[in-house]
Amino acid sequence: MEDKHFTDCGCDRSKRINGIKCDACNCVYNNEKCECCAGQVCIGPKNADCSAHTSCATFKPRAY
């Protein structure tokens, strides 16, 4: 029986980061409830001047 809490990245998807909403459904750190479960997130780039110019560098595609 497969444990649905753990992903191929080894992260525990039951441990979400409070306050982080994630719409990237195909990211391994998304627990399918729009919650991020990465140990930490990295957002950039440093020179962004609006939200449209930012991205999550922690994103890792889910293997299907």
C-alpha atoms as a PDB file:
ATOM      1  CA  MET A   1       0.000   0.000   0.000  1.00  0.00           C
ATOM      2  CA  GLU A   2       1.401   3.368  -1.052  1.00  0.00           C
ATOM      3  CA  ASP A   3       1.712   6.139   1.562  1.00  0.00           C
ATOM      4  CA  LYS A   4      -0.071   9.136   0.020  1.00  0.00           C
ATOM      5  CA  HIS A   5       1.647  11.587   2.410  1.00  0.00           C
ATOM      6  CA  PHE A   6       5.116  11.114   0.915  1.00  0.00           C
ATOM      7  CA  THR A   7       6.088  12.035  -2.644  1.00  0.00           C
ATOM      8  CA  ASP A   8       8.881  10.977  -4.970  1.00  0.00           C
ATOM      9  CA  CYS A   9      10.848  13.979  -3.648  1.00  0.00           C
ATOM     10  CA  GLY A  10      10.737  12.548  -0.119  1.00  0.00           C
ATOM     11  CA  CYS A  11       8.751  15.449   1.333  1.00  0.00           C
ATOM     12  CA  ASP A  12       5.858  14.893   3.718  1.00  0.00           C
ATOM     13  CA  ARG A  13       2.839  16.471   2.023  1.00  0.00           C
ATOM     14  CA  SER A  14       0.903  16.474   5.296  1.00  0.00           C
ATOM     15  CA  LYS A  15       3.273  19.176   6.663  1.00  0.00           C
ATOM     16  CA  ARG A  16       2.243  22.369   4.919  1.00  0.00           C
ATOM     17  CA  ILE A  17       3.870  25.783   5.223  1.00  0.00           C
ATOM     18  CA  ASN A  18       1.359  28.065   6.958  1.00  0.00           C
ATOM     19  CA  GLY A  19       0.377  31.073   4.868  1.00  0.00           C
ATOM     20  CA  ILE A  20       1.725  29.769   1.540  1.00  0.00           C
ATOM     21  CA  LYS A  21      -0.944  29.182  -1.122  1.00  0.00           C
ATOM     22  CA  CYS A  22       0.250  27.266  -4.172  1.00  0.00           C
ATOM     23  CA  ASP A  23      -1.681  26.949  -7.435  1.00  0.00           C
ATOM     24  CA  ALA A  24       1.031  24.888  -9.162  1.00  0.00           C
ATOM     25  CA  CYS A  25      -0.866  21.593  -9.075  1.00  0.00           C
ATOM     26  CA  ASN A  26       1.879  19.718 -10.930  1.00  0.00           C
ATOM     27  CA  CYS A  27       4.561  20.578  -8.333  1.00  0.00           C
ATOM     28  CA  VAL A  28       5.683  17.730  -6.056  1.00  0.00           C
ATOM     29  CA  TYR A  29       5.449  20.062  -3.048  1.00  0.00           C
ATOM     30  CA  ASN A  30       1.755  20.874  -3.627  1.00  0.00           C
ATOM     31  CA  ASN A  31      -0.419  18.672  -1.390  1.00  0.00           C
ATOM     32  CA  GLU A  32      -3.381  18.969  -3.811  1.00  0.00           C
ATOM     33  CA  LYS A  33      -5.115  21.382  -1.408  1.00  0.00           C
ATOM     34  CA  CYS A  34      -3.247  24.436  -2.789  1.00  0.00           C
ATOM     35  CA  GLU A  35      -0.792  24.197   0.123  1.00  0.00           C
ATOM     36  CA  CYS A  36       3.008  24.098  -0.152  1.00  0.00           C
ATOM     37  CA  CYS A  37       4.790  21.327   1.750  1.00  0.00           C
ATOM     38  CA  ALA A  38       8.394  22.085   0.791  1.00  0.00           C
ATOM     39  CA  GLY A  39      10.745  22.502   3.731  1.00  0.00           C
ATOM     40  CA  GLN A  40      11.318  26.062   2.548  1.00  0.00           C
ATOM     41  CA  VAL A  41      10.591  28.103  -0.563  1.00  0.00           C
ATOM     42  CA  CYS A  42      12.805  30.341  -2.645  1.00  0.00           C
ATOM     43  CA  ILE A  43      11.097  33.161  -4.560  1.00  0.00           C
ATOM     44  CA  GLY A  44      12.907  35.388  -6.998  1.00  0.00           C
ATOM     45  CA  PRO A  45      14.468  37.031  -8.847  1.00  0.00           C
ATOM     46  CA  LYS A  46      15.981  39.749  -6.681  1.00  0.00           C
ATOM     47  CA  ASN A  47      15.293  42.461  -9.253  1.00  0.00           C
ATOM     48  CA  ALA A  48      11.532  41.774  -9.582  1.00  0.00           C
ATOM     49  CA  ASP A  49       9.444  44.923  -9.429  1.00  0.00           C
ATOM     50  CA  CYS A  50       5.957  43.352  -9.380  1.00  0.00           C
ATOM     51  CA  SER A  51       4.383  39.968  -8.607  1.00  0.00           C
ATOM     52  CA  ALA A  52       4.124  39.112 -12.313  1.00  0.00           C
ATOM     53  CA  HIS A  53       7.928  39.111 -12.483  1.00  0.00           C
ATOM     54  CA  THR A  54       8.418  36.602  -9.642  1.00  0.00           C
ATOM     55  CA  SER A  55       8.587  32.814  -9.636  1.00  0.00           C
ATOM     56  CA  CYS A  56       9.039  29.976  -7.176  1.00  0.00           C
ATOM     57  CA  ALA A  57      12.506  28.528  -7.661  1.00  0.00           C
ATOM     58  CA  THR A  58      11.541  25.635  -5.361  1.00  0.00           C
ATOM     59  CA  PHE A  59       9.111  24.286  -7.986  1.00  0.00           C
ATOM     60  CA  LYS A  60       9.827  20.694  -8.965  1.00  0.00           C
ATOM     61  CA  PRO A  61       7.586  18.946 -11.519  1.00  0.00           C
ATOM     62  CA  ARG A  62       5.582  15.956 -10.352  1.00  0.00           C
ATOM     63  CA  ALA A  63       6.334  12.669 -12.131  1.00  0.00           C
ATOM     64  CA  TYR A  64       3.150  11.122 -13.521  1.00  0.00           C
END
